[in-house]
Amino acid sequence: MDNKIEIVVFSHVSGKVEKISCEAYELNSNCNMNYVSAISNGNKIVIIPWNRIKQININQ
């Protein structure tokens, strides 16, 4: 069974959220910046700063 992951991100528009669907994700840290990489078909489709993440939903 495929795992589907939905990352809910605070939008740049005040009061709105965006949903990103992917197959996997990575938590990364670079110096003083933390971010999440959404992965689909083996490719990073988006890199999101940690402070924009509202929640990560994993559906099995």
PDB file of N, CA and C in Angstrom:
ATOM      1  N   MET A   1       0.840  -1.179   0.000  1.00  0.00           N
ATOM      2  CA  MET A   1       0.000   0.000   0.000  1.00  0.00           C
ATOM      3  C   MET A   1       0.887   1.245   0.000  1.00  0.00           C
ATOM      4  N   ASP A   2       0.547   2.205  -0.843  1.00  0.00           N
ATOM      5  CA  ASP A   2       1.330   3.434  -0.952  1.00  0.00           C
ATOM      6  C   ASP A   2       1.032   4.377   0.202  1.00  0.00           C
ATOM      7  N   ASN A   3       2.084   4.988   0.719  1.00  0.00           N
ATOM      8  CA  ASN A   3       1.920   6.039   1.715  1.00  0.00           C
ATOM      9  C   ASN A   3       1.772   7.358   0.984  1.00  0.00           C
ATOM     10  N   LYS A   4       0.762   8.108   1.333  1.00  0.00           N
ATOM     11  CA  LYS A   4       0.583   9.446   0.786  1.00  0.00           C
ATOM     12  C   LYS A   4       0.785  10.429   1.919  1.00  0.00           C
ATOM     13  N   ILE A   5       1.572  11.424   1.660  1.00  0.00           N
ATOM     14  CA  ILE A   5       1.892  12.423   2.673  1.00  0.00           C
ATOM     15  C   ILE A   5       1.362  13.762   2.196  1.00  0.00           C
ATOM     16  N   GLU A   6       0.726  14.476   3.108  1.00  0.00           N
ATOM     17  CA  GLU A   6       0.221  15.808   2.814  1.00  0.00           C
ATOM     18  C   GLU A   6       0.878  16.783   3.781  1.00  0.00           C
ATOM     19  N   ILE A   7       1.550  17.782   3.240  1.00  0.00           N
ATOM     20  CA  ILE A   7       2.200  18.797   4.056  1.00  0.00           C
ATOM     21  C   ILE A   7       1.352  20.056   3.975  1.00  0.00           C
ATOM     22  N   VAL A   8       0.897  20.527   5.131  1.00  0.00           N
ATOM     23  CA  VAL A   8       0.090  21.744   5.197  1.00  0.00           C
ATOM     24  C   VAL A   8       1.024  22.888   5.562  1.00  0.00           C
ATOM     25  N   VAL A   9       1.019  23.920   4.710  1.00  0.00           N
ATOM     26  CA  VAL A   9       1.972  25.022   4.823  1.00  0.00           C
ATOM     27  C   VAL A   9       1.206  26.329   4.987  1.00  0.00           C
ATOM     28  N   PHE A  10       1.686  27.194   5.882  1.00  0.00           N
ATOM     29  CA  PHE A  10       1.123  28.537   5.973  1.00  0.00           C
ATOM     30  C   PHE A  10       1.436  29.269   4.677  1.00  0.00           C
ATOM     31  N   SER A  11       0.417  29.852   4.054  1.00  0.00           N
ATOM     32  CA  SER A  11       0.583  30.572   2.796  1.00  0.00           C
ATOM     33  C   SER A  11       1.182  31.949   3.032  1.00  0.00           C
ATOM     34  N   HIS A  12       1.655  32.554   1.940  1.00  0.00           N
ATOM     35  CA  HIS A  12       2.115  33.939   2.020  1.00  0.00           C
ATOM     36  C   HIS A  12       0.923  34.883   2.184  1.00  0.00           C
ATOM     37  N   VAL A  13      -0.289  34.401   1.829  1.00  0.00           N
ATOM     38  CA  VAL A  13      -1.513  35.177   1.999  1.00  0.00           C
ATOM     39  C   VAL A  13      -1.985  34.977   3.433  1.00  0.00           C
ATOM     40  N   SER A  14      -2.201  36.046   4.137  1.00  0.00           N
ATOM     41  CA  SER A  14      -2.578  35.976   5.552  1.00  0.00           C
ATOM     42  C   SER A  14      -3.857  35.162   5.760  1.00  0.00           C
ATOM     43  N   GLY A  15      -3.802  34.210   6.699  1.00  0.00           N
ATOM     44  CA  GLY A  15      -4.963  33.404   7.052  1.00  0.00           C
ATOM     45  C   GLY A  15      -5.216  32.215   6.148  1.00  0.00           C
ATOM     46  N   LYS A  16      -4.406  31.988   5.145  1.00  0.00           N
ATOM     47  CA  LYS A  16      -4.604  30.881   4.208  1.00  0.00           C
ATOM     48  C   LYS A  16      -3.538  29.807   4.418  1.00  0.00           C
ATOM     49  N   VAL A  17      -3.862  28.572   4.008  1.00  0.00           N
ATOM     50  CA  VAL A  17      -2.893  27.478   4.026  1.00  0.00           C
ATOM     51  C   VAL A  17      -2.841  26.846   2.640  1.00  0.00           C
ATOM     52  N   GLU A  18      -1.722  26.199   2.333  1.00  0.00           N
ATOM     53  CA  GLU A  18      -1.539  25.461   1.086  1.00  0.00           C
ATOM     54  C   GLU A  18      -1.284  24.004   1.448  1.00  0.00           C
ATOM     55  N   LYS A  19      -1.739  23.081   0.598  1.00  0.00           N
ATOM     56  CA  LYS A  19      -1.514  21.655   0.825  1.00  0.00           C
ATOM     57  C   LYS A  19      -0.642  21.111  -0.297  1.00  0.00           C
ATOM     58  N   ILE A  20       0.411  20.399   0.088  1.00  0.00           N
ATOM     59  CA  ILE A  20       1.341  19.804  -0.864  1.00  0.00           C
ATOM     60  C   ILE A  20       1.312  18.292  -0.658  1.00  0.00           C
ATOM     61  N   SER A  21       1.002  17.534  -1.713  1.00  0.00           N
ATOM     62  CA  SER A  21       0.985  16.074  -1.641  1.00  0.00           C
ATOM     63  C   SER A  21       2.299  15.528  -2.179  1.00  0.00           C
ATOM     64  N   CYS A  22       2.829  14.519  -1.493  1.00  0.00           N
ATOM     65  CA  CYS A  22       4.090  13.916  -1.925  1.00  0.00           C
ATOM     66  C   CYS A  22       4.151  12.475  -1.430  1.00  0.00           C
ATOM     67  N   GLU A  23       5.190  11.755  -1.845  1.00  0.00           N
ATOM     68  CA  GLU A  23       5.375  10.361  -1.448  1.00  0.00           C
ATOM     69  C   GLU A  23       6.268  10.223  -0.227  1.00  0.00           C
ATOM     70  N   ALA A  24       7.161  11.191  -0.021  1.00  0.00           N
ATOM     71  CA  ALA A  24       8.097  11.147   1.103  1.00  0.00           C
ATOM     72  C   ALA A  24       8.533  12.566   1.418  1.00  0.00           C
ATOM     73  N   TYR A  25       9.198  12.699   2.556  1.00  0.00           N
ATOM     74  CA  TYR A  25       9.751  14.004   2.905  1.00  0.00           C
ATOM     75  C   TYR A  25      11.031  13.816   3.696  1.00  0.00           C
ATOM     76  N   GLU A  26      11.865  14.837   3.700  1.00  0.00           N
ATOM     77  CA  GLU A  26      13.115  14.835   4.465  1.00  0.00           C
ATOM     78  C   GLU A  26      13.155  16.081   5.330  1.00  0.00           C
ATOM     79  N   LEU A  27      13.641  15.913   6.547  1.00  0.00           N
ATOM     80  CA  LEU A  27      13.916  17.059   7.412  1.00  0.00           C
ATOM     81  C   LEU A  27      15.394  17.370   7.267  1.00  0.00           C
ATOM     82  N   ASN A  28      15.719  18.603   6.958  1.00  0.00           N
ATOM     83  CA  ASN A  28      17.104  18.996   6.721  1.00  0.00           C
ATOM     84  C   ASN A  28      17.480  20.192   7.578  1.00  0.00           C
ATOM     85  N   SER A  29      18.752  20.283   7.887  1.00  0.00           N
ATOM     86  CA  SER A  29      19.272  21.418   8.646  1.00  0.00           C
ATOM     87  C   SER A  29      20.558  21.881   7.983  1.00  0.00           C
ATOM     88  N   ASN A  30      20.665  23.182   7.775  1.00  0.00           N
ATOM     89  CA  ASN A  30      21.846  23.757   7.146  1.00  0.00           C
ATOM     90  C   ASN A  30      22.231  24.992   7.949  1.00  0.00           C
ATOM     91  N   CYS A  31      23.306  24.893   8.705  1.00  0.00           N
ATOM     92  CA  CYS A  31      23.747  25.970   9.615  1.00  0.00           C
ATOM     93  C   CYS A  31      22.624  26.303  10.593  1.00  0.00           C
ATOM     94  N   ASN A  32      21.991  27.446  10.450  1.00  0.00           N
ATOM     95  CA  ASN A  32      20.926  27.818  11.384  1.00  0.00           C
ATOM     96  C   ASN A  32      19.552  27.778  10.726  1.00  0.00           C
ATOM     97  N   MET A  33      19.414  27.108   9.569  1.00  0.00           N
ATOM     98  CA  MET A  33      18.131  27.038   8.872  1.00  0.00           C
ATOM     99  C   MET A  33      17.647  25.597   8.812  1.00  0.00           C
ATOM    100  N   ASN A  34      16.403  25.363   9.244  1.00  0.00           N
ATOM    101  CA  ASN A  34      15.781  24.048   9.155  1.00  0.00           C
ATOM    102  C   ASN A  34      14.710  24.101   8.076  1.00  0.00           C
ATOM    103  N   TYR A  35      14.612  23.024   7.287  1.00  0.00           N
ATOM    104  CA  TYR A  35      13.619  23.010   6.231  1.00  0.00           C
ATOM    105  C   TYR A  35      13.187  21.581   5.925  1.00  0.00           C
ATOM    106  N   VAL A  36      12.075  21.463   5.193  1.00  0.00           N
ATOM    107  CA  VAL A  36      11.508  20.182   4.799  1.00  0.00           C
ATOM    108  C   VAL A  36      11.549  20.099   3.277  1.00  0.00           C
ATOM    109  N   SER A  37      12.011  18.974   2.759  1.00  0.00           N
ATOM    110  CA  SER A  37      12.000  18.725   1.317  1.00  0.00           C
ATOM    111  C   SER A  37      10.895  17.719   1.025  1.00  0.00           C
ATOM    112  N   ALA A  38       9.940  18.084   0.157  1.00  0.00           N
ATOM    113  CA  ALA A  38       8.891  17.169  -0.276  1.00  0.00           C
ATOM    114  C   ALA A  38       9.414  16.404  -1.486  1.00  0.00           C
ATOM    115  N   ILE A  39       9.242  15.072  -1.489  1.00  0.00           N
ATOM    116  CA  ILE A  39       9.797  14.217  -2.540  1.00  0.00           C
ATOM    117  C   ILE A  39       8.672  13.453  -3.231  1.00  0.00           C
ATOM    118  N   SER A  40       8.677  13.482  -4.558  1.00  0.00           N
ATOM    119  CA  SER A  40       7.715  12.729  -5.351  1.00  0.00           C
ATOM    120  C   SER A  40       8.452  12.139  -6.547  1.00  0.00           C
ATOM    121  N   ASN A  41       8.255  10.865  -6.817  1.00  0.00           N
ATOM    122  CA  ASN A  41       8.945  10.149  -7.899  1.00  0.00           C
ATOM    123  C   ASN A  41      10.460  10.279  -7.795  1.00  0.00           C
ATOM    124  N   GLY A  42      10.977  10.300  -6.579  1.00  0.00           N
ATOM    125  CA  GLY A  42      12.409  10.378  -6.361  1.00  0.00           C
ATOM    126  C   GLY A  42      13.013  11.766  -6.526  1.00  0.00           C
ATOM    127  N   ASN A  43      12.194  12.762  -6.835  1.00  0.00           N
ATOM    128  CA  ASN A  43      12.675  14.127  -7.037  1.00  0.00           C
ATOM    129  C   ASN A  43      12.161  15.054  -5.948  1.00  0.00           C
ATOM    130  N   LYS A  44      12.998  15.988  -5.524  1.00  0.00           N
ATOM    131  CA  LYS A  44      12.549  17.013  -4.586  1.00  0.00           C
ATOM    132  C   LYS A  44      11.670  17.990  -5.354  1.00  0.00           C
ATOM    133  N   ILE A  45      10.399  18.077  -4.967  1.00  0.00           N
ATOM    134  CA  ILE A  45       9.480  18.942  -5.703  1.00  0.00           C
ATOM    135  C   ILE A  45       9.367  20.326  -5.087  1.00  0.00           C
ATOM    136  N   VAL A  46       9.668  20.440  -3.795  1.00  0.00           N
ATOM    137  CA  VAL A  46       9.616  21.748  -3.139  1.00  0.00           C
ATOM    138  C   VAL A  46      10.442  21.686  -1.861  1.00  0.00           C
ATOM    139  N   ILE A  47      11.053  22.801  -1.513  1.00  0.00           N
ATOM    140  CA  ILE A  47      11.784  22.932  -0.254  1.00  0.00           C
ATOM    141  C   ILE A  47      11.076  24.014   0.554  1.00  0.00           C
ATOM    142  N   ILE A  48      10.662  23.668   1.780  1.00  0.00           N
ATOM    143  CA  ILE A  48       9.830  24.553   2.596  1.00  0.00           C
ATOM    144  C   ILE A  48      10.559  24.896   3.889  1.00  0.00           C
ATOM    145  N   PRO A  49      10.697  26.169   4.213  1.00  0.00           N
ATOM    146  CA  PRO A  49      11.286  26.539   5.506  1.00  0.00           C
ATOM    147  C   PRO A  49      10.435  25.987   6.654  1.00  0.00           C
ATOM    148  N   TRP A  50      11.099  25.517   7.710  1.00  0.00           N
ATOM    149  CA  TRP A  50      10.412  24.878   8.829  1.00  0.00           C
ATOM    150  C   TRP A  50       9.354  25.782   9.460  1.00  0.00           C
ATOM    151  N   ASN A  51       9.582  27.098   9.515  1.00  0.00           N
ATOM    152  CA  ASN A  51       8.625  27.991  10.168  1.00  0.00           C
ATOM    153  C   ASN A  51       7.351  28.204   9.352  1.00  0.00           C
ATOM    154  N   ARG A  52       7.276  27.682   8.124  1.00  0.00           N
ATOM    155  CA  ARG A  52       6.043  27.759   7.334  1.00  0.00           C
ATOM    156  C   ARG A  52       5.216  26.481   7.424  1.00  0.00           C
ATOM    157  N   ILE A  53       5.750  25.423   8.054  1.00  0.00           N
ATOM    158  CA  ILE A  53       5.041  24.149   8.175  1.00  0.00           C
ATOM    159  C   ILE A  53       3.996  24.252   9.281  1.00  0.00           C
ATOM    160  N   LYS A  54       2.745  23.928   8.940  1.00  0.00           N
ATOM    161  CA  LYS A  54       1.691  23.874   9.955  1.00  0.00           C
ATOM    162  C   LYS A  54       1.568  22.448  10.481  1.00  0.00           C
ATOM    163  N   GLN A  55       1.482  21.465   9.571  1.00  0.00           N
ATOM    164  CA  GLN A  55       1.404  20.065   9.984  1.00  0.00           C
ATOM    165  C   GLN A  55       1.787  19.165   8.823  1.00  0.00           C
ATOM    166  N   ILE A  56       2.138  17.918   9.166  1.00  0.00           N
ATOM    167  CA  ILE A  56       2.453  16.892   8.175  1.00  0.00           C
ATOM    168  C   ILE A  56       1.539  15.705   8.455  1.00  0.00           C
ATOM    169  N   ASN A  57       0.699  15.351   7.466  1.00  0.00           N
ATOM    170  CA  ASN A  57      -0.242  14.240   7.603  1.00  0.00           C
ATOM    171  C   ASN A  57       0.270  13.051   6.807  1.00  0.00           C
ATOM    172  N   ILE A  58       0.349  11.892   7.458  1.00  0.00           N
ATOM    173  CA  ILE A  58       0.784  10.668   6.794  1.00  0.00           C
ATOM    174  C   ILE A  58      -0.403   9.717   6.754  1.00  0.00           C
ATOM    175  N   ASN A  59      -0.883   9.399   5.541  1.00  0.00           N
ATOM    176  CA  ASN A  59      -2.015   8.492   5.358  1.00  0.00           C
ATOM    177  C   ASN A  59      -1.495   7.162   4.862  1.00  0.00           C
ATOM    178  N   GLN A  60      -1.870   6.083   5.556  1.00  0.00           N
ATOM    179  CA  GLN A  60      -1.416   4.753   5.151  1.00  0.00           C
ATOM    180  C   GLN A  60      -2.571   3.942   4.635  1.00  0.00           C
TER     181      GLN A  60
END
